[in-house]
Structures are given as C-alpha cells and as structure tokens.
PDB file of N, CA and C in Angstrom:
ATOM      1  N   MET A   1      13.187 -51.511  21.325  1.00  0.00           N
ATOM      2  CA  MET A   1      12.776 -50.663  20.300  1.00  0.00           C
ATOM      3  C   MET A   1      12.579 -49.964  20.322  1.00  0.00           C
ATOM      4  N   ASP A   2      12.823 -48.506  19.343  1.00  0.00           N
ATOM      5  CA  ASP A   2      12.428 -47.593  18.872  1.00  0.00           C
ATOM      6  C   ASP A   2      11.493 -47.185  17.905  1.00  0.00           C
ATOM      7  N   ALA A   3      10.380 -45.853  18.111  1.00  0.00           N
ATOM      8  CA  ALA A   3       9.296 -45.657  17.516  1.00  0.00           C
ATOM      9  C   ALA A   3       9.159 -46.077  16.233  1.00  0.00           C
ATOM     10  N   ARG A   4       9.879 -45.771  15.144  1.00  0.00           N
ATOM     11  CA  ARG A   4      10.383 -46.117  13.956  1.00  0.00           C
ATOM     12  C   ARG A   4      10.487 -48.175  13.649  1.00  0.00           C
ATOM     13  N   GLN A   5      11.076 -48.168  14.921  1.00  0.00           N
ATOM     14  CA  GLN A   5      11.144 -49.754  14.179  1.00  0.00           C
ATOM     15  C   GLN A   5      10.270 -50.282  14.608  1.00  0.00           C
ATOM     16  N   LEU A   6       9.524 -50.199  15.493  1.00  0.00           N
ATOM     17  CA  LEU A   6       7.770 -50.646  15.419  1.00  0.00           C
ATOM     18  C   LEU A   6       7.180 -50.242  14.643  1.00  0.00           C
ATOM     19  N   VAL A   7       7.144 -48.745  13.824  1.00  0.00           N
ATOM     20  CA  VAL A   7       6.017 -48.900  12.428  1.00  0.00           C
ATOM     21  C   VAL A   7       6.584 -49.557  11.511  1.00  0.00           C
ATOM     22  N   ASP A   8       7.953 -49.385  11.489  1.00  0.00           N
ATOM     23  CA  ASP A   8       8.673 -50.295  10.489  1.00  0.00           C
ATOM     24  C   ASP A   8       8.109 -52.106  10.658  1.00  0.00           C
ATOM     25  N   ILE A   9       7.735 -52.460  11.806  1.00  0.00           N
ATOM     26  CA  ILE A   9       7.557 -54.362  11.867  1.00  0.00           C
ATOM     27  C   ILE A   9       6.429 -54.267  11.663  1.00  0.00           C
ATOM     28  N   ALA A  10       5.301 -53.279  11.756  1.00  0.00           N
ATOM     29  CA  ALA A  10       3.825 -53.167  11.782  1.00  0.00           C
ATOM     30  C   ALA A  10       3.569 -53.119  10.330  1.00  0.00           C
ATOM     31  N   CYS A  11       4.456 -52.403   9.241  1.00  0.00           N
ATOM     32  CA  CYS A  11       4.111 -52.233   7.910  1.00  0.00           C
ATOM     33  C   CYS A  11       4.575 -53.432   7.199  1.00  0.00           C
ATOM     34  N   ASP A  12       5.486 -53.891   7.980  1.00  0.00           N
ATOM     35  CA  ASP A  12       5.925 -55.324   7.416  1.00  0.00           C
ATOM     36  C   ASP A  12       4.666 -56.526   7.522  1.00  0.00           C
ATOM     37  N   GLU A  13       4.365 -56.601   8.594  1.00  0.00           N
ATOM     38  CA  GLU A  13       3.236 -57.548   8.927  1.00  0.00           C
ATOM     39  C   GLU A  13       1.963 -57.528   7.932  1.00  0.00           C
ATOM     40  N   ASP A  14       1.626 -56.280   7.257  1.00  0.00           N
ATOM     41  CA  ASP A  14       0.318 -56.229   6.938  1.00  0.00           C
ATOM     42  C   ASP A  14       0.786 -55.091   5.735  1.00  0.00           C
ATOM     43  N   PRO A  15       1.435 -55.340   4.623  1.00  0.00           N
ATOM     44  CA  PRO A  15       1.505 -54.472   3.782  1.00  0.00           C
ATOM     45  C   PRO A  15       0.533 -54.002   3.064  1.00  0.00           C
ATOM     46  N   ARG A  16      -0.762 -54.307   3.172  1.00  0.00           N
ATOM     47  CA  ARG A  16      -1.770 -54.051   2.313  1.00  0.00           C
ATOM     48  C   ARG A  16      -2.603 -52.962   3.090  1.00  0.00           C
ATOM     49  N   ALA A  17      -2.512 -53.179   4.472  1.00  0.00           N
ATOM     50  CA  ALA A  17      -3.169 -51.982   4.660  1.00  0.00           C
ATOM     51  C   ALA A  17      -2.923 -50.651   4.650  1.00  0.00           C
ATOM     52  N   PRO A  18      -3.772 -49.552   4.287  1.00  0.00           N
ATOM     53  CA  PRO A  18      -3.613 -48.367   3.846  1.00  0.00           C
ATOM     54  C   PRO A  18      -2.981 -47.663   5.102  1.00  0.00           C
ATOM     55  N   CYS A  19      -3.405 -47.704   6.079  1.00  0.00           N
ATOM     56  CA  CYS A  19      -3.301 -46.765   7.815  1.00  0.00           C
ATOM     57  C   CYS A  19      -2.760 -47.709   8.762  1.00  0.00           C
ATOM     58  N   LEU A  20      -2.317 -46.783   9.730  1.00  0.00           N
ATOM     59  CA  LEU A  20      -1.335 -47.283  10.951  1.00  0.00           C
ATOM     60  C   LEU A  20      -1.607 -46.319  11.662  1.00  0.00           C
ATOM     61  N   TRP A  21      -2.035 -47.184  13.211  1.00  0.00           N
ATOM     62  CA  TRP A  21      -2.616 -45.969  14.465  1.00  0.00           C
ATOM     63  C   TRP A  21      -1.342 -46.320  15.283  1.00  0.00           C
ATOM     64  N   VAL A  22      -0.612 -45.075  15.697  1.00  0.00           N
ATOM     65  CA  VAL A  22       0.617 -45.034  16.673  1.00  0.00           C
ATOM     66  C   VAL A  22       0.008 -44.688  17.961  1.00  0.00           C
ATOM     67  N   PRO A  23       0.733 -45.154  19.353  1.00  0.00           N
ATOM     68  CA  PRO A  23       0.255 -44.718  20.419  1.00  0.00           C
ATOM     69  C   PRO A  23       0.775 -43.180  20.550  1.00  0.00           C
ATOM     70  N   SER A  24      -0.201 -42.798  21.039  1.00  0.00           N
ATOM     71  CA  SER A  24       0.327 -41.140  21.497  1.00  0.00           C
ATOM     72  C   SER A  24       1.539 -40.869  22.299  1.00  0.00           C
ATOM     73  N   ASP A  25       2.310 -42.061  23.363  1.00  0.00           N
ATOM     74  CA  ASP A  25       3.133 -41.683  23.476  1.00  0.00           C
ATOM     75  C   ASP A  25       4.505 -42.178  22.666  1.00  0.00           C
ATOM     76  N   ILE A  26       4.612 -42.746  21.795  1.00  0.00           N
ATOM     77  CA  ILE A  26       5.518 -42.669  21.043  1.00  0.00           C
ATOM     78  C   ILE A  26       5.296 -41.776  19.605  1.00  0.00           C
ATOM     79  N   TRP A  27       3.954 -41.242  19.344  1.00  0.00           N
ATOM     80  CA  TRP A  27       4.155 -40.160  18.233  1.00  0.00           C
ATOM     81  C   TRP A  27       4.660 -39.272  18.103  1.00  0.00           C
ATOM     82  N   PRO A  28       5.370 -38.430  18.954  1.00  0.00           N
ATOM     83  CA  PRO A  28       6.428 -37.422  18.948  1.00  0.00           C
ATOM     84  C   PRO A  28       7.660 -37.763  18.538  1.00  0.00           C
ATOM     85  N   GLU A  29       7.989 -39.465  19.038  1.00  0.00           N
ATOM     86  CA  GLU A  29       9.448 -39.414  18.544  1.00  0.00           C
ATOM     87  C   GLU A  29       9.519 -40.129  17.175  1.00  0.00           C
ATOM     88  N   PHE A  30       8.272 -40.707  16.900  1.00  0.00           N
ATOM     89  CA  PHE A  30       7.967 -41.154  15.634  1.00  0.00           C
ATOM     90  C   PHE A  30       8.188 -40.155  14.694  1.00  0.00           C
ATOM     91  N   CYS A  31       7.322 -39.133  14.856  1.00  0.00           N
ATOM     92  CA  CYS A  31       7.478 -37.893  14.026  1.00  0.00           C
ATOM     93  C   CYS A  31       9.137 -37.253  13.655  1.00  0.00           C
ATOM     94  N   LEU A  32       9.750 -37.315  14.702  1.00  0.00           N
ATOM     95  CA  LEU A  32      11.022 -36.812  15.169  1.00  0.00           C
ATOM     96  C   LEU A  32      11.868 -37.606  13.896  1.00  0.00           C
ATOM     97  N   ALA A  33      11.618 -39.006  14.392  1.00  0.00           N
ATOM     98  CA  ALA A  33      12.634 -39.974  13.651  1.00  0.00           C
ATOM     99  C   ALA A  33      12.730 -39.976  12.192  1.00  0.00           C
ATOM    100  N   ILE A  34      11.545 -39.638  11.345  1.00  0.00           N
ATOM    101  CA  ILE A  34      10.921 -39.532  10.121  1.00  0.00           C
ATOM    102  C   ILE A  34      11.308 -38.367   9.750  1.00  0.00           C
ATOM    103  N   ARG A  35      11.878 -37.323  10.568  1.00  0.00           N
ATOM    104  CA  ARG A  35      11.649 -35.831  10.225  1.00  0.00           C
ATOM    105  C   ARG A  35      10.807 -35.326   9.370  1.00  0.00           C
ATOM    106  N   GLN A  36       9.096 -35.277  10.053  1.00  0.00           N
ATOM    107  CA  GLN A  36       7.974 -35.255   9.157  1.00  0.00           C
ATOM    108  C   GLN A  36       7.280 -34.202  10.603  1.00  0.00           C
ATOM    109  N   ARG A  37       6.243 -33.365  10.271  1.00  0.00           N
ATOM    110  CA  ARG A  37       4.991 -32.815  11.284  1.00  0.00           C
ATOM    111  C   ARG A  37       4.020 -33.107  10.491  1.00  0.00           C
ATOM    112  N   PRO A  38       3.177 -34.039  11.426  1.00  0.00           N
ATOM    113  CA  PRO A  38       1.876 -34.264  11.002  1.00  0.00           C
ATOM    114  C   PRO A  38       1.101 -32.950   9.864  1.00  0.00           C
ATOM    115  N   ASN A  39       0.374 -33.111   9.571  1.00  0.00           N
ATOM    116  CA  ASN A  39      -0.451 -32.117   8.378  1.00  0.00           C
ATOM    117  C   ASN A  39      -1.697 -32.191   9.268  1.00  0.00           C
ATOM    118  N   VAL A  40      -2.727 -31.158   8.492  1.00  0.00           N
ATOM    119  CA  VAL A  40      -3.879 -30.580   9.004  1.00  0.00           C
ATOM    120  C   VAL A  40      -4.324 -31.437  10.135  1.00  0.00           C
ATOM    121  N   VAL A  41      -4.983 -32.447   8.918  1.00  0.00           N
ATOM    122  CA  VAL A  41      -5.803 -33.808   9.839  1.00  0.00           C
ATOM    123  C   VAL A  41      -4.804 -34.862  10.952  1.00  0.00           C
ATOM    124  N   GLY A  42      -3.914 -34.500  11.074  1.00  0.00           N
ATOM    125  CA  GLY A  42      -2.812 -35.011  12.067  1.00  0.00           C
ATOM    126  C   GLY A  42      -2.343 -36.064  11.606  1.00  0.00           C
ATOM    127  N   ALA A  43      -1.942 -36.257  10.289  1.00  0.00           N
ATOM    128  CA  ALA A  43      -1.476 -37.401   9.958  1.00  0.00           C
ATOM    129  C   ALA A  43      -0.255 -37.175   8.882  1.00  0.00           C
ATOM    130  N   VAL A  44       0.808 -38.459   9.245  1.00  0.00           N
ATOM    131  CA  VAL A  44       1.881 -38.232   8.503  1.00  0.00           C
ATOM    132  C   VAL A  44       1.938 -39.450   7.166  1.00  0.00           C
ATOM    133  N   ILE A  45       2.663 -39.399   6.286  1.00  0.00           N
ATOM    134  CA  ILE A  45       2.665 -40.078   4.979  1.00  0.00           C
ATOM    135  C   ILE A  45       4.012 -41.074   5.156  1.00  0.00           C
ATOM    136  N   TYR A  46       4.524 -42.209   5.317  1.00  0.00           N
ATOM    137  CA  TYR A  46       5.577 -42.971   5.750  1.00  0.00           C
ATOM    138  C   TYR A  46       5.357 -44.147   4.988  1.00  0.00           C
ATOM    139  N   ARG A  47       6.310 -44.769   4.239  1.00  0.00           N
ATOM    140  CA  ARG A  47       5.881 -46.151   3.527  1.00  0.00           C
ATOM    141  C   ARG A  47       4.807 -46.160   2.599  1.00  0.00           C
ATOM    142  N   ASN A  48       4.425 -44.970   2.017  1.00  0.00           N
ATOM    143  CA  ASN A  48       3.348 -45.354   1.308  1.00  0.00           C
ATOM    144  C   ASN A  48       1.883 -45.363   2.037  1.00  0.00           C
ATOM    145  N   LYS A  49       2.085 -45.276   3.356  1.00  0.00           N
ATOM    146  CA  LYS A  49       1.016 -45.465   3.973  1.00  0.00           C
ATOM    147  C   LYS A  49       0.872 -43.836   5.143  1.00  0.00           C
ATOM    148  N   THR A  50      -0.991 -44.149   5.527  1.00  0.00           N
ATOM    149  CA  THR A  50      -0.802 -42.936   6.242  1.00  0.00           C
ATOM    150  C   THR A  50      -1.091 -43.264   7.692  1.00  0.00           C
ATOM    151  N   ILE A  51       0.255 -42.318   8.341  1.00  0.00           N
ATOM    152  CA  ILE A  51       0.259 -42.722   9.798  1.00  0.00           C
ATOM    153  C   ILE A  51      -0.374 -41.585  10.834  1.00  0.00           C
ATOM    154  N   ARG A  52      -0.998 -42.303  11.968  1.00  0.00           N
ATOM    155  CA  ARG A  52      -1.774 -41.343  12.335  1.00  0.00           C
ATOM    156  C   ARG A  52      -1.372 -41.959  13.977  1.00  0.00           C
ATOM    157  N   ASP A  53      -1.727 -40.407  14.925  1.00  0.00           N
ATOM    158  CA  ASP A  53      -1.979 -40.683  16.289  1.00  0.00           C
ATOM    159  C   ASP A  53      -3.324 -41.658  16.978  1.00  0.00           C
ATOM    160  N   GLY A  54      -3.180 -42.589  17.272  1.00  0.00           N
ATOM    161  CA  GLY A  54      -4.513 -43.419  18.156  1.00  0.00           C
ATOM    162  C   GLY A  54      -4.784 -43.559  19.281  1.00  0.00           C
ATOM    163  N   GLY A  55      -3.928 -42.237  19.714  1.00  0.00           N
ATOM    164  CA  GLY A  55      -4.452 -42.229  21.057  1.00  0.00           C
ATOM    165  C   GLY A  55      -3.719 -42.685  21.943  1.00  0.00           C
ATOM    166  N   PRO A  56      -4.021 -42.404  23.294  1.00  0.00           N
ATOM    167  CA  PRO A  56      -3.437 -43.315  24.758  1.00  0.00           C
ATOM    168  C   PRO A  56      -3.715 -44.672  24.544  1.00  0.00           C
ATOM    169  N   TYR A  57      -2.765 -45.304  25.230  1.00  0.00           N
ATOM    170  CA  TYR A  57      -2.928 -46.664  25.687  1.00  0.00           C
ATOM    171  C   TYR A  57      -2.994 -47.955  24.235  1.00  0.00           C
ATOM    172  N   CYS A  58      -3.071 -47.366  23.124  1.00  0.00           N
ATOM    173  CA  CYS A  58      -3.321 -48.364  22.244  1.00  0.00           C
ATOM    174  C   CYS A  58      -2.175 -49.179  21.920  1.00  0.00           C
ATOM    175  N   ASP A  59      -2.215 -49.661  20.623  1.00  0.00           N
ATOM    176  CA  ASP A  59      -0.982 -50.848  20.337  1.00  0.00           C
ATOM    177  C   ASP A  59      -0.685 -49.861  19.005  1.00  0.00           C
ATOM    178  N   VAL A  60       0.349 -50.392  18.213  1.00  0.00           N
ATOM    179  CA  VAL A  60       0.731 -49.765  16.961  1.00  0.00           C
ATOM    180  C   VAL A  60      -0.257 -50.893  16.085  1.00  0.00           C
ATOM    181  N   THR A  61      -1.087 -50.162  15.559  1.00  0.00           N
ATOM    182  CA  THR A  61      -2.226 -51.838  15.049  1.00  0.00           C
ATOM    183  C   THR A  61      -2.716 -50.874  13.384  1.00  0.00           C
ATOM    184  N   THR A  62      -2.851 -51.751  12.741  1.00  0.00           N
ATOM    185  CA  THR A  62      -3.672 -51.388  11.021  1.00  0.00           C
ATOM    186  C   THR A  62      -4.735 -51.189  11.194  1.00  0.00           C
ATOM    187  N   ARG A  63      -5.655 -51.454  12.272  1.00  0.00           N
ATOM    188  CA  ARG A  63      -6.837 -51.547  12.364  1.00  0.00           C
ATOM    189  C   ARG A  63      -7.160 -50.448  13.564  1.00  0.00           C
ATOM    190  N   ARG A  64      -8.431 -49.317  12.973  1.00  0.00           N
ATOM    191  CA  ARG A  64      -8.737 -48.331  14.064  1.00  0.00           C
ATOM    192  C   ARG A  64      -9.148 -48.703  15.492  1.00  0.00           C
ATOM    193  N   PRO A  65      -8.502 -47.799  16.011  1.00  0.00           N
ATOM    194  CA  PRO A  65      -8.228 -48.076  17.645  1.00  0.00           C
ATOM    195  C   PRO A  65     -10.114 -47.855  18.156  1.00  0.00           C
TER     196      PRO A  65
END
C-alpha cells in the first residue's frame, strides 16, 4: 500500500478524529500524493482532518505519538 491508502484507511477507521499523525518516512510521499505542501506549522488538511508528521518509527494513528 502507498502512503495515501494508509491515511485513507486510518481516516475511515476513526472518522470523528480531528487529527492524524503519519510516520516521517512516508510523510513526503503522502504530501506528494495529495499535491500539497505542509503549512507553517507543518500540517496539511486532507479529508477535513489535520495531518501531521508523527516522527520516526510511529504508526499512522489518530492518537498523538
């Protein structure tokens, strides 16, 4: 699976969560896939959620790493 598919699955599993964190190793791939660059605070908005870089070795999660 690619980064966008992983984020889509996480969004579908917890639709009420306002934020989502993704691992640093797939963060550039995800931003490229959705054709967005992170804003000043390092987040992108995708599917009405704030998506952020969760750091190395984290999982795609709706809980803060």
